[in-house]
Amino acid sequence: MPTPSSENLRFRGAPLRRAELEFIQRTARQFSRLSRTELAATLCDQLGWLRPSGKPKTVECRQYLETLEQRGLVDLPPPRIGRPKGSTTRIEAADKPPSPIHGALAAIGPVPLERVSNSASHTLWRSRMEQYHYQGCKTPFGAHLRYHSRCPKGELGGIQFSSVPPGACALATSGSAGVSS
């Protein structure tokens, strides 16, 4: 197995130390029967690759492992057959549509955001996005936070903040994504 020479290996912006790479290689060999996702979850737990919420960065870790595999730095188990790419999850419409709210925003009053934090609010959020957003409800890449926006008169909408996919900033700043610097 090759070792990194002058390669600048980084996971989510932090440099990957030689000891960490060796641990990843050893763990991948020792637990070769795990799925890639299970291996990523194990590595996140052991290496402390956690979000501020305390949850592991499993998706990002799995993609990083696949990058290391492409560079010949780690041998991963073969991908398991799962859902076909592009398949979607059926999203049921909410039981009751929101009532229209008329008037100026100033007259409506404060517009607090409520974090989507349980399965009922998650289901409602997804349903509303599927029904009312022009792109429907898409599954975001990586970390994301979702909020409902409500006022005393009822529901106003929803908002989602998502992490940037790896490499997206590099493309945008280099000008190759149609953005001039």
C-alpha atoms as a PDB file:
ATOM      1  CA  MET A   1       0.000   0.000   0.000  1.00  0.00           C
ATOM      2  CA  PRO A   2       1.572   3.337  -0.987  1.00  0.00           C
ATOM      3  CA  THR A   3       2.092   6.008   1.623  1.00  0.00           C
ATOM      4  CA  PRO A   4       1.530   9.692   1.014  1.00  0.00           C
ATOM      5  CA  SER A   5       4.712  11.467   0.035  1.00  0.00           C
ATOM      6  CA  SER A   6       4.190  15.132  -0.697  1.00  0.00           C
ATOM      7  CA  GLU A   7       0.433  14.722  -1.031  1.00  0.00           C
ATOM      8  CA  ASN A   8      -1.470  17.141   1.130  1.00  0.00           C
ATOM      9  CA  LEU A   9      -4.168  14.908   2.588  1.00  0.00           C
ATOM     10  CA  ARG A  10      -6.916  16.781   4.407  1.00  0.00           C
ATOM     11  CA  PHE A  11     -10.232  15.744   5.921  1.00  0.00           C
ATOM     12  CA  ARG A  12     -12.750  18.613   6.079  1.00  0.00           C
ATOM     13  CA  GLY A  13      -9.924  21.160   6.065  1.00  0.00           C
ATOM     14  CA  ALA A  14      -7.776  19.502   8.747  1.00  0.00           C
ATOM     15  CA  PRO A  15      -4.494  17.815   7.756  1.00  0.00           C
ATOM     16  CA  LEU A  16      -4.501  14.023   7.949  1.00  0.00           C
ATOM     17  CA  ARG A  17      -1.545  12.845  10.020  1.00  0.00           C
ATOM     18  CA  ARG A  18       0.450   9.767   8.998  1.00  0.00           C
ATOM     19  CA  ALA A  19      -0.711   7.946  12.173  1.00  0.00           C
ATOM     20  CA  GLU A  20      -4.348   8.605  11.228  1.00  0.00           C
ATOM     21  CA  LEU A  21      -3.809   7.301   7.687  1.00  0.00           C
ATOM     22  CA  GLU A  22      -2.116   4.178   9.055  1.00  0.00           C
ATOM     23  CA  PHE A  23      -5.018   3.696  11.486  1.00  0.00           C
ATOM     24  CA  ILE A  24      -7.510   4.033   8.601  1.00  0.00           C
ATOM     25  CA  GLN A  25      -5.563   1.497   6.515  1.00  0.00           C
ATOM     26  CA  ARG A  26      -5.282  -0.956   9.428  1.00  0.00           C
ATOM     27  CA  THR A  27      -8.980  -0.611  10.331  1.00  0.00           C
ATOM     28  CA  ALA A  28     -10.073  -1.106   6.701  1.00  0.00           C
ATOM     29  CA  ARG A  29      -7.993  -4.312   6.516  1.00  0.00           C
ATOM     30  CA  GLN A  30      -9.121  -5.600   9.914  1.00  0.00           C
ATOM     31  CA  PHE A  31     -12.831  -4.932   9.314  1.00  0.00           C
ATOM     32  CA  SER A  32     -13.020  -5.711   5.605  1.00  0.00           C
ATOM     33  CA  ARG A  33     -16.475  -7.286   5.979  1.00  0.00           C
ATOM     34  CA  LEU A  34     -18.097  -4.041   7.108  1.00  0.00           C
ATOM     35  CA  SER A  35     -19.970  -1.933   4.583  1.00  0.00           C
ATOM     36  CA  ARG A  36     -18.322   1.321   3.560  1.00  0.00           C
ATOM     37  CA  THR A  37     -20.852   3.256   5.638  1.00  0.00           C
ATOM     38  CA  GLU A  38     -20.253   1.069   8.699  1.00  0.00           C
ATOM     39  CA  LEU A  39     -16.491   1.473   8.258  1.00  0.00           C
ATOM     40  CA  ALA A  40     -16.895   5.264   7.970  1.00  0.00           C
ATOM     41  CA  ALA A  41     -19.028   5.352  11.138  1.00  0.00           C
ATOM     42  CA  THR A  42     -16.430   3.287  13.000  1.00  0.00           C
ATOM     43  CA  LEU A  43     -13.596   5.561  11.881  1.00  0.00           C
ATOM     44  CA  CYS A  44     -15.544   8.702  12.794  1.00  0.00           C
ATOM     45  CA  ASP A  45     -16.106   7.290  16.267  1.00  0.00           C
ATOM     46  CA  GLN A  46     -12.469   6.261  16.738  1.00  0.00           C
ATOM     47  CA  LEU A  47     -10.916   9.406  15.233  1.00  0.00           C
ATOM     48  CA  GLY A  48     -13.383  11.832  16.820  1.00  0.00           C
ATOM     49  CA  TRP A  49     -14.679  13.123  13.493  1.00  0.00           C
ATOM     50  CA  LEU A  50     -17.885  14.541  14.899  1.00  0.00           C
ATOM     51  CA  ARG A  51     -20.179  17.441  14.155  1.00  0.00           C
ATOM     52  CA  PRO A  52     -20.730  20.126  16.790  1.00  0.00           C
ATOM     53  CA  SER A  53     -23.976  18.258  17.575  1.00  0.00           C
ATOM     54  CA  GLY A  54     -21.885  15.190  18.523  1.00  0.00           C
ATOM     55  CA  LYS A  55     -23.060  13.100  15.560  1.00  0.00           C
ATOM     56  CA  PRO A  56     -20.427  11.433  13.335  1.00  0.00           C
ATOM     57  CA  LYS A  57     -19.465  12.861   9.915  1.00  0.00           C
ATOM     58  CA  THR A  58     -20.240   9.497   8.315  1.00  0.00           C
ATOM     59  CA  VAL A  59     -21.208  10.694   4.819  1.00  0.00           C
ATOM     60  CA  GLU A  60     -18.157  12.933   4.481  1.00  0.00           C
ATOM     61  CA  CYS A  61     -15.889  10.210   5.887  1.00  0.00           C
ATOM     62  CA  ARG A  62     -17.214   7.609   3.432  1.00  0.00           C
ATOM     63  CA  GLN A  63     -16.581   9.962   0.515  1.00  0.00           C
ATOM     64  CA  TYR A  64     -13.103  10.714   1.863  1.00  0.00           C
ATOM     65  CA  LEU A  65     -12.381   6.968   2.110  1.00  0.00           C
ATOM     66  CA  GLU A  66     -13.403   6.602  -1.534  1.00  0.00           C
ATOM     67  CA  THR A  67     -10.979   9.414  -2.442  1.00  0.00           C
ATOM     68  CA  LEU A  68      -8.192   7.635  -0.544  1.00  0.00           C
ATOM     69  CA  GLU A  69      -9.099   4.433  -2.392  1.00  0.00           C
ATOM     70  CA  GLN A  70      -8.882   6.218  -5.775  1.00  0.00           C
ATOM     71  CA  ARG A  71      -5.391   7.440  -4.799  1.00  0.00           C
ATOM     72  CA  GLY A  72      -4.386   3.874  -3.928  1.00  0.00           C
ATOM     73  CA  LEU A  73      -3.934   4.666  -0.237  1.00  0.00           C
ATOM     74  CA  VAL A  74      -6.579   2.321   1.188  1.00  0.00           C
ATOM     75  CA  ASP A  75      -8.411  -0.826   0.114  1.00  0.00           C
ATOM     76  CA  LEU A  76     -12.137  -0.635   0.770  1.00  0.00           C
ATOM     77  CA  PRO A  77     -14.735  -3.378   0.648  1.00  0.00           C
ATOM     78  CA  PRO A  78     -16.703  -3.390  -2.604  1.00  0.00           C
ATOM     79  CA  PRO A  79     -19.802  -1.156  -2.644  1.00  0.00           C
ATOM     80  CA  ARG A  80     -22.962  -2.967  -1.631  1.00  0.00           C
ATOM     81  CA  ILE A  81     -26.042  -3.000  -3.797  1.00  0.00           C
ATOM     82  CA  GLY A  82     -28.487  -0.434  -2.444  1.00  0.00           C
ATOM     83  CA  ARG A  83     -31.113   1.831  -3.789  1.00  0.00           C
ATOM     84  CA  PRO A  84     -30.600   2.804  -7.409  1.00  0.00           C
ATOM     85  CA  LYS A  85     -29.049   6.235  -7.952  1.00  0.00           C
ATOM     86  CA  GLY A  86     -31.705   8.812  -8.576  1.00  0.00           C
ATOM     87  CA  SER A  87     -34.439   6.884  -6.752  1.00  0.00           C
ATOM     88  CA  THR A  88     -36.667   8.958  -4.538  1.00  0.00           C
ATOM     89  CA  THR A  89     -38.562   8.528  -1.326  1.00  0.00           C
ATOM     90  CA  ARG A  90     -42.275   9.093  -1.528  1.00  0.00           C
ATOM     91  CA  ILE A  91     -43.320  12.156   0.437  1.00  0.00           C
ATOM     92  CA  GLU A  92     -46.906  12.236   1.592  1.00  0.00           C
ATOM     93  CA  ALA A  93     -48.842  15.500   1.458  1.00  0.00           C
ATOM     94  CA  ALA A  94     -49.631  17.051   4.829  1.00  0.00           C
ATOM     95  CA  ASP A  95     -53.172  16.498   6.084  1.00  0.00           C
ATOM     96  CA  LYS A  96     -54.082  20.171   6.183  1.00  0.00           C
ATOM     97  CA  PRO A  97     -52.732  22.859   3.837  1.00  0.00           C
ATOM     98  CA  PRO A  98     -51.573  26.085   5.481  1.00  0.00           C
ATOM     99  CA  SER A  99     -54.022  28.974   5.574  1.00  0.00           C
ATOM    100  CA  PRO A 100     -53.091  31.965   3.403  1.00  0.00           C
ATOM    101  CA  ILE A 101     -51.733  34.966   5.291  1.00  0.00           C
ATOM    102  CA  HIS A 102     -52.379  38.413   3.842  1.00  0.00           C
ATOM    103  CA  GLY A 103     -50.748  41.707   4.769  1.00  0.00           C
ATOM    104  CA  ALA A 104     -47.399  43.403   5.035  1.00  0.00           C
ATOM    105  CA  LEU A 105     -44.619  41.624   6.903  1.00  0.00           C
ATOM    106  CA  ALA A 106     -44.428  44.495   9.374  1.00  0.00           C
ATOM    107  CA  ALA A 107     -48.090  43.925  10.272  1.00  0.00           C
ATOM    108  CA  ILE A 108     -47.568  40.181  10.774  1.00  0.00           C
ATOM    109  CA  GLY A 109     -45.120  40.734  13.619  1.00  0.00           C
ATOM    110  CA  PRO A 110     -41.984  38.828  14.540  1.00  0.00           C
ATOM    111  CA  VAL A 111     -41.111  35.827  12.402  1.00  0.00           C
ATOM    112  CA  PRO A 112     -39.289  33.340  14.622  1.00  0.00           C
ATOM    113  CA  LEU A 113     -37.600  30.242  13.216  1.00  0.00           C
ATOM    114  CA  GLU A 114     -38.309  26.884  14.833  1.00  0.00           C
ATOM    115  CA  ARG A 115     -35.717  24.173  14.271  1.00  0.00           C
ATOM    116  CA  VAL A 116     -36.982  20.940  12.717  1.00  0.00           C
ATOM    117  CA  SER A 117     -36.046  18.602  15.541  1.00  0.00           C
ATOM    118  CA  ASN A 118     -38.440  15.651  15.654  1.00  0.00           C
ATOM    119  CA  SER A 119     -39.995  13.265  13.167  1.00  0.00           C
ATOM    120  CA  ALA A 120     -43.362  15.074  13.058  1.00  0.00           C
ATOM    121  CA  SER A 121     -41.783  18.448  12.213  1.00  0.00           C
ATOM    122  CA  HIS A 122     -39.407  16.688   9.771  1.00  0.00           C
ATOM    123  CA  THR A 123     -42.342  15.068   7.962  1.00  0.00           C
ATOM    124  CA  LEU A 124     -44.224  18.387   7.816  1.00  0.00           C
ATOM    125  CA  TRP A 125     -41.142  20.251   6.528  1.00  0.00           C
ATOM    126  CA  ARG A 126     -40.502  17.696   3.771  1.00  0.00           C
ATOM    127  CA  SER A 127     -44.180  17.685   2.819  1.00  0.00           C
ATOM    128  CA  ARG A 128     -44.354  21.468   2.543  1.00  0.00           C
ATOM    129  CA  MET A 129     -41.166  21.634   0.452  1.00  0.00           C
ATOM    130  CA  GLU A 130     -42.432  18.892  -1.857  1.00  0.00           C
ATOM    131  CA  GLN A 131     -45.769  20.694  -2.297  1.00  0.00           C
ATOM    132  CA  TYR A 132     -44.690  24.322  -2.536  1.00  0.00           C
ATOM    133  CA  HIS A 133     -41.019  24.582  -3.549  1.00  0.00           C
ATOM    134  CA  TYR A 134     -40.456  24.743  -7.297  1.00  0.00           C
ATOM    135  CA  GLN A 135     -37.778  21.997  -7.111  1.00  0.00           C
ATOM    136  CA  GLY A 136     -39.654  19.809  -4.659  1.00  0.00           C
ATOM    137  CA  CYS A 137     -37.918  18.289  -1.643  1.00  0.00           C
ATOM    138  CA  LYS A 138     -34.386  17.180  -2.488  1.00  0.00           C
ATOM    139  CA  THR A 139     -32.058  15.322  -0.146  1.00  0.00           C
ATOM    140  CA  PRO A 140     -29.141  17.613   0.701  1.00  0.00           C
ATOM    141  CA  PHE A 141     -25.494  16.612   0.755  1.00  0.00           C
ATOM    142  CA  GLY A 142     -23.840  16.419   4.172  1.00  0.00           C
ATOM    143  CA  ALA A 143     -24.775  18.473   7.186  1.00  0.00           C
ATOM    144  CA  HIS A 144     -27.931  20.538   7.089  1.00  0.00           C
ATOM    145  CA  LEU A 145     -30.284  22.412   9.382  1.00  0.00           C
ATOM    146  CA  ARG A 146     -33.962  22.932   8.661  1.00  0.00           C
ATOM    147  CA  TYR A 147     -36.351  25.455  10.170  1.00  0.00           C
ATOM    148  CA  HIS A 148     -40.071  26.238  10.034  1.00  0.00           C
ATOM    149  CA  SER A 149     -41.063  29.884   9.940  1.00  0.00           C
ATOM    150  CA  ARG A 150     -44.268  30.681  11.802  1.00  0.00           C
ATOM    151  CA  CYS A 151     -45.976  33.801  13.068  1.00  0.00           C
ATOM    152  CA  PRO A 152     -49.046  34.310  15.253  1.00  0.00           C
ATOM    153  CA  LYS A 153     -51.217  34.109  12.106  1.00  0.00           C
ATOM    154  CA  GLY A 154     -49.844  30.725  10.978  1.00  0.00           C
ATOM    155  CA  GLU A 155     -47.172  29.073   8.828  1.00  0.00           C
ATOM    156  CA  LEU A 156     -45.014  31.264   6.603  1.00  0.00           C
ATOM    157  CA  GLY A 157     -42.507  28.811   5.151  1.00  0.00           C
ATOM    158  CA  GLY A 158     -39.320  26.899   5.712  1.00  0.00           C
ATOM    159  CA  ILE A 159     -35.606  27.314   5.227  1.00  0.00           C
ATOM    160  CA  GLN A 160     -32.654  24.942   4.988  1.00  0.00           C
ATOM    161  CA  PHE A 161     -28.937  25.591   5.494  1.00  0.00           C
ATOM    162  CA  SER A 162     -26.651  22.966   3.943  1.00  0.00           C
ATOM    163  CA  SER A 163     -22.927  22.281   3.938  1.00  0.00           C
ATOM    164  CA  VAL A 164     -20.955  22.923   0.788  1.00  0.00           C
ATOM    165  CA  PRO A 165     -19.905  19.772  -1.112  1.00  0.00           C
ATOM    166  CA  PRO A 166     -16.142  19.146  -1.079  1.00  0.00           C
ATOM    167  CA  GLY A 167     -14.392  20.974  -3.895  1.00  0.00           C
ATOM    168  CA  ALA A 168     -17.265  23.386  -4.601  1.00  0.00           C
ATOM    169  CA  CYS A 169     -15.418  26.359  -3.114  1.00  0.00           C
ATOM    170  CA  ALA A 170     -12.254  25.493  -5.005  1.00  0.00           C
ATOM    171  CA  LEU A 171     -14.198  25.416  -8.271  1.00  0.00           C
ATOM    172  CA  ALA A 172     -15.923  28.703  -7.557  1.00  0.00           C
ATOM    173  CA  THR A 173     -12.756  30.530  -6.541  1.00  0.00           C
ATOM    174  CA  SER A 174     -10.736  29.210  -9.482  1.00  0.00           C
ATOM    175  CA  GLY A 175     -13.171  30.686 -11.978  1.00  0.00           C
ATOM    176  CA  SER A 176     -13.890  27.288 -13.557  1.00  0.00           C
ATOM    177  CA  ALA A 177     -17.453  27.275 -12.260  1.00  0.00           C
ATOM    178  CA  GLY A 178     -18.429  30.320 -14.262  1.00  0.00           C
ATOM    179  CA  VAL A 179     -17.492  32.684 -11.446  1.00  0.00           C
ATOM    180  CA  SER A 180     -14.839  35.252 -12.248  1.00  0.00           C
ATOM    181  CA  SER A 181     -12.355  36.059  -9.491  1.00  0.00           C
END
